[in-house]
């Protein structure tokens, strides 16, 4: 039986996934938000990978900035 009151989740377009990966590398806050959006749009695998890439890129960026200041 189909429930007409439930919203049907549509998968995130691949363009959103690609922009999510790129922004995870270059714009960490935006990448984190797009990772969450991908998780909510039935692409949880890509969403989690975008968030993890975002965290790794932020750590590497922090290490590079602190190494340049020393």
C-alpha atoms as a PDB file:
ATOM      1  CA  UNK A   1       0.000   0.000   0.000  1.00  0.00           C
ATOM      2  CA  UNK A   2       1.357   3.393  -0.952  1.00  0.00           C
ATOM      3  CA  UNK A   3       1.260   6.190   1.591  1.00  0.00           C
ATOM      4  CA  UNK A   4       0.447   9.390  -0.264  1.00  0.00           C
ATOM      5  CA  UNK A   5       1.507  11.539   2.690  1.00  0.00           C
ATOM      6  CA  UNK A   6       5.152  10.450   2.722  1.00  0.00           C
ATOM      7  CA  UNK A   7       7.564  12.569   0.764  1.00  0.00           C
ATOM      8  CA  UNK A   8       9.591  10.663  -1.757  1.00  0.00           C
ATOM      9  CA  UNK A   9      13.313  11.414  -1.453  1.00  0.00           C
ATOM     10  CA  UNK A  10      14.985  11.994  -4.755  1.00  0.00           C
ATOM     11  CA  UNK A  11      18.642  11.101  -5.143  1.00  0.00           C
ATOM     12  CA  UNK A  12      21.090  13.976  -5.240  1.00  0.00           C
ATOM     13  CA  UNK A  13      22.180  14.831  -8.779  1.00  0.00           C
ATOM     14  CA  UNK A  14      25.728  13.844  -9.668  1.00  0.00           C
ATOM     15  CA  UNK A  15      26.591  17.519 -10.160  1.00  0.00           C
ATOM     16  CA  UNK A  16      25.898  18.088  -6.469  1.00  0.00           C
ATOM     17  CA  UNK A  17      28.168  15.185  -5.576  1.00  0.00           C
ATOM     18  CA  UNK A  18      31.000  16.505  -7.769  1.00  0.00           C
ATOM     19  CA  UNK A  19      30.651  20.021  -6.345  1.00  0.00           C
ATOM     20  CA  UNK A  20      30.610  18.476  -2.871  1.00  0.00           C
ATOM     21  CA  UNK A  21      33.940  16.733  -3.431  1.00  0.00           C
ATOM     22  CA  UNK A  22      35.560  19.837  -4.914  1.00  0.00           C
ATOM     23  CA  UNK A  23      34.280  22.136  -2.208  1.00  0.00           C
ATOM     24  CA  UNK A  24      35.431  19.669   0.465  1.00  0.00           C
ATOM     25  CA  UNK A  25      38.963  20.271  -0.776  1.00  0.00           C
ATOM     26  CA  UNK A  26      38.846  24.011  -1.423  1.00  0.00           C
ATOM     27  CA  UNK A  27      35.980  25.410   0.718  1.00  0.00           C
ATOM     28  CA  UNK A  28      35.749  23.310   3.887  1.00  0.00           C
ATOM     29  CA  UNK A  29      32.587  24.778   5.421  1.00  0.00           C
ATOM     30  CA  UNK A  30      30.643  24.552   2.165  1.00  0.00           C
ATOM     31  CA  UNK A  31      31.953  21.025   1.611  1.00  0.00           C
ATOM     32  CA  UNK A  32      30.720  19.977   5.037  1.00  0.00           C
ATOM     33  CA  UNK A  33      27.251  21.357   4.340  1.00  0.00           C
ATOM     34  CA  UNK A  34      27.094  19.680   0.925  1.00  0.00           C
ATOM     35  CA  UNK A  35      28.200  16.407   2.521  1.00  0.00           C
ATOM     36  CA  UNK A  36      25.249  16.614   4.897  1.00  0.00           C
ATOM     37  CA  UNK A  37      22.916  17.457   1.988  1.00  0.00           C
ATOM     38  CA  UNK A  38      24.146  14.408   0.064  1.00  0.00           C
ATOM     39  CA  UNK A  39      23.532  12.229   3.124  1.00  0.00           C
ATOM     40  CA  UNK A  40      19.949  13.449   3.279  1.00  0.00           C
ATOM     41  CA  UNK A  41      19.299  13.015  -0.462  1.00  0.00           C
ATOM     42  CA  UNK A  42      19.743   9.222  -0.584  1.00  0.00           C
ATOM     43  CA  UNK A  43      23.449   9.300  -1.378  1.00  0.00           C
ATOM     44  CA  UNK A  44      24.798   8.559   2.100  1.00  0.00           C
ATOM     45  CA  UNK A  45      27.957   6.873   0.784  1.00  0.00           C
ATOM     46  CA  UNK A  46      29.027   9.988  -1.093  1.00  0.00           C
ATOM     47  CA  UNK A  47      27.908  12.239   1.758  1.00  0.00           C
ATOM     48  CA  UNK A  48      30.041  10.416   4.305  1.00  0.00           C
ATOM     49  CA  UNK A  49      33.032  10.382   1.943  1.00  0.00           C
ATOM     50  CA  UNK A  50      32.664  14.124   1.319  1.00  0.00           C
ATOM     51  CA  UNK A  51      32.567  14.809   5.068  1.00  0.00           C
ATOM     52  CA  UNK A  52      35.624  12.603   5.694  1.00  0.00           C
ATOM     53  CA  UNK A  53      37.516  14.245   2.835  1.00  0.00           C
ATOM     54  CA  UNK A  54      36.568  17.606   4.278  1.00  0.00           C
ATOM     55  CA  UNK A  55      38.010  16.683   7.688  1.00  0.00           C
ATOM     56  CA  UNK A  56      41.228  15.326   6.178  1.00  0.00           C
ATOM     57  CA  UNK A  57      41.651  18.410   3.981  1.00  0.00           C
ATOM     58  CA  UNK A  58      41.101  20.701   6.981  1.00  0.00           C
ATOM     59  CA  UNK A  59      43.746  18.841   9.017  1.00  0.00           C
ATOM     60  CA  UNK A  60      46.246  18.934   6.141  1.00  0.00           C
ATOM     61  CA  UNK A  61      45.545  22.624   5.568  1.00  0.00           C
ATOM     62  CA  UNK A  62      46.057  23.371   9.248  1.00  0.00           C
ATOM     63  CA  UNK A  63      49.361  21.459   9.259  1.00  0.00           C
ATOM     64  CA  UNK A  64      50.586  23.305   6.179  1.00  0.00           C
ATOM     65  CA  UNK A  65      49.675  26.718   7.593  1.00  0.00           C
ATOM     66  CA  UNK A  66      51.342  26.021  10.940  1.00  0.00           C
ATOM     67  CA  UNK A  67      54.455  24.653   9.194  1.00  0.00           C
ATOM     68  CA  UNK A  68      54.742  27.794   7.069  1.00  0.00           C
ATOM     69  CA  UNK A  69      54.514  30.035  10.134  1.00  0.00           C
ATOM     70  CA  UNK A  70      57.364  28.253  11.951  1.00  0.00           C
END
